[in-house]
């Protein structure tokens, strides 16, 4: 009877977490717009100034939802590619380039808390705007690189994150993200 009660309690926690996070995420609590993003013109590539040099922006796997500083325009086409990278990895388990394919107790236990259940662990996701759920999956090529073309279905700032476990309590959003490691330079280019 105790085992049944524990299983039932665990299932309730999972369902409540999933429902609450879905509402919080769609309401814009996980991704924060700055209002300072730049609009790229066709052919432009996003760069950042670092000590007087222009470089590509860097995406960190430890970010719950990293604002990339670009305002995407509805119906415009963009190319997002990861130029180079360190391996995205958890503090305890390294991933194979962009996704974790191991079966182990930690990943099995945390599976119901994975941000997007239908996508592999640590795959990159692009999001348009802080409100809503306009997500684009950045699937790796055979060689592990990422080069995706996307047409913006709405206007909004561009965010990137990796698919990891998340808890639906705002101060704990980064509980499983803060132990992630790895980063990559990102090419964000407007095509049309």
Foldseek 3Di string as FASTA:
>chain_A
DVVVVVVVVLVVQLVVQLVLQVVCQQAQLQPDDDVQAAEADAFDKDWDADPNDTHFDKDWQLRLKAFRRYKDAAQWKKKKKFPDKDFKQFLVGTDDLAFRDDDDDVCVSQLSQWPDNVDGFRFKWKAFARHHGRIDTFDADPVSITIDMDHHNHIGTIIMYTTDGAGSDSVGRSVRSNRIGMMTGMIMHTND
